[in-house]
Protein backbone atom coordinates (compact mmCIF):
# COMPACT_ATOMS: atom_id res chain seq x y z
CA UNK A 1 114.38 145.91 69.12
CA UNK A 2 113.05 145.77 72.66
CA UNK A 3 113.02 142.99 75.21
CA UNK A 4 111.38 143.04 78.62
CA UNK A 5 113.09 142.33 81.92
CA UNK A 6 110.93 142.29 85.04
CA UNK A 7 113.66 143.99 87.06
CA UNK A 8 115.15 146.52 84.66
CA UNK A 9 112.26 147.30 82.30
CA UNK A 10 112.46 147.42 78.51
CA UNK A 11 115.83 147.40 76.86
CA UNK A 12 116.36 150.56 74.88
CA UNK A 13 119.05 151.79 72.57
CA UNK A 14 120.17 155.39 72.65
CA UNK A 15 119.48 157.73 69.78
CA UNK A 16 123.13 157.87 68.89
CA UNK A 17 123.12 154.07 68.35
CA UNK A 18 125.49 153.37 71.22
CA UNK A 19 125.25 149.79 72.34
CA UNK A 20 127.01 150.22 75.72
CA UNK A 21 123.80 150.43 77.80
CA UNK A 22 122.35 147.46 75.90
CA UNK A 23 125.50 145.41 76.54
CA UNK A 24 125.33 146.25 80.25
CA UNK A 25 121.68 145.25 80.38
CA UNK A 26 122.39 142.03 78.46
CA UNK A 27 125.23 141.22 80.87
CA UNK A 28 122.89 141.78 83.80
CA UNK A 29 120.23 139.62 82.18
CA UNK A 30 122.68 136.80 81.52
CA UNK A 31 123.92 137.01 85.11
CA UNK A 32 120.34 136.87 86.33
CA UNK A 33 119.67 133.93 84.01
CA UNK A 34 122.73 132.10 85.36
CA UNK A 35 121.47 132.72 88.90
CA UNK A 36 118.04 131.42 88.00
CA UNK A 37 119.53 128.35 86.30
CA UNK A 38 121.63 127.65 89.40
CA UNK A 39 118.55 128.05 91.61
CA UNK A 40 116.63 125.68 89.33
CA UNK A 41 119.39 123.06 89.57
CA UNK A 42 119.41 123.41 93.37
CA UNK A 43 115.63 123.04 93.55
CA UNK A 44 115.75 119.97 91.30
CA UNK A 45 118.38 118.47 93.63
CA UNK A 46 116.14 119.19 96.62
CA UNK A 47 113.20 117.56 94.86
CA UNK A 48 115.34 114.50 94.08
CA UNK A 49 116.48 114.27 97.72
CA UNK A 50 112.90 114.61 98.96
CA UNK A 51 111.73 111.89 96.57
CA UNK A 52 114.47 109.56 97.84
CA UNK A 53 113.63 110.39 101.45
CA UNK A 54 109.94 109.74 100.81
CA UNK A 55 110.72 106.38 99.22
CA UNK A 56 112.95 105.46 102.15
CA UNK A 57 110.27 106.41 104.66
CA UNK A 58 107.66 104.49 102.68
CA UNK A 59 109.84 101.36 102.74
CA UNK A 60 110.40 101.73 106.50
CA UNK A 61 106.66 102.21 106.97
CA UNK A 62 105.91 99.06 104.98
CA UNK A 63 108.44 97.09 107.07
CA UNK A 64 106.91 98.41 110.29
CA UNK A 65 103.40 97.51 109.16
CA UNK A 66 104.49 93.99 108.18
CA UNK A 67 106.21 93.52 111.54
CA UNK A 68 103.16 94.78 113.45
CA UNK A 69 100.86 92.53 111.43
CA UNK A 70 103.09 89.57 112.26
CA UNK A 71 103.00 90.47 115.95
CA UNK A 72 99.22 90.87 115.80
CA UNK A 73 98.83 87.46 114.18
CA UNK A 74 100.96 85.85 116.92
CA UNK A 75 98.91 87.58 119.61
CA UNK A 76 95.64 86.48 117.98
CA UNK A 77 96.87 82.88 117.86
CA UNK A 78 97.95 83.08 121.50
CA UNK A 79 94.58 84.59 122.43
CA UNK A 80 92.78 81.81 120.61
CA UNK A 81 94.93 79.17 122.32
CA UNK A 82 94.29 80.70 125.74
CA UNK A 83 90.56 80.94 125.06
CA UNK A 84 90.42 77.23 124.19
CA UNK A 85 92.51 76.39 127.26
CA UNK A 86 90.26 78.55 129.45
CA UNK A 87 87.15 76.80 128.12
CA UNK A 88 88.73 73.39 128.72
CA UNK A 89 89.65 74.28 132.30
CA UNK A 90 86.24 75.78 132.97
CA UNK A 91 84.53 72.59 131.80
CA UNK A 92 86.89 70.49 133.96
CA UNK A 93 86.08 72.66 136.96
CA UNK A 94 82.39 72.30 136.21
CA UNK A 95 82.77 68.53 136.30
CA UNK A 96 84.38 68.74 139.77
CA UNK A 97 82.00 71.33 141.15
CA UNK A 98 79.70 69.79 143.78
CA UNK A 99 76.05 70.65 143.87
CA UNK A 100 76.35 72.09 147.40
CA UNK A 101 79.14 73.04 149.78
CA UNK A 102 78.25 70.14 152.13
CA UNK A 103 78.92 67.67 149.33
CA UNK A 104 82.27 69.22 148.52
CA UNK A 105 85.14 66.79 149.02
CA UNK A 106 87.33 69.76 149.99
CA UNK A 107 85.23 70.80 153.00
CA UNK A 108 87.03 69.88 156.20
CA UNK A 109 90.30 68.92 154.56
CA UNK A 110 91.98 72.13 155.57
CA UNK A 111 91.47 73.22 159.14
CA UNK A 112 91.49 76.95 159.78
CA UNK A 113 94.36 78.35 161.80
CA UNK A 114 93.55 79.24 165.38
CA UNK A 115 92.67 82.93 165.52
CA UNK A 116 92.63 83.28 161.73
CA UNK A 117 89.69 84.95 160.13
CA UNK A 118 87.78 82.59 157.85
CA UNK A 119 86.34 84.21 154.78
CA UNK A 120 83.10 82.52 153.70
């Protein structure tokens, strides 16, 4: 019988029926098979490690996103609060705003310093 090995070619028996070359080729094939099995186990271990690492990174990513969303929500609430406060203060200032500078109750209350430049 013949079997095919990609590295050594077809297994052949000698005309005299000696099985020594076949045994050597079988030994080589089994050694190659053991090497391939070991490589397969190592690759499966790598795949397992990569899957675990990916899951760990995914969990960290989810935590980061949740934390950022929480921070964003706080900032949006603070922005909304400041917007309302700004509108309230603007309306209060509008109520105090005189129609002209002459009517302003603040005109004349503070005297400019001698030699100071007054900005209109």
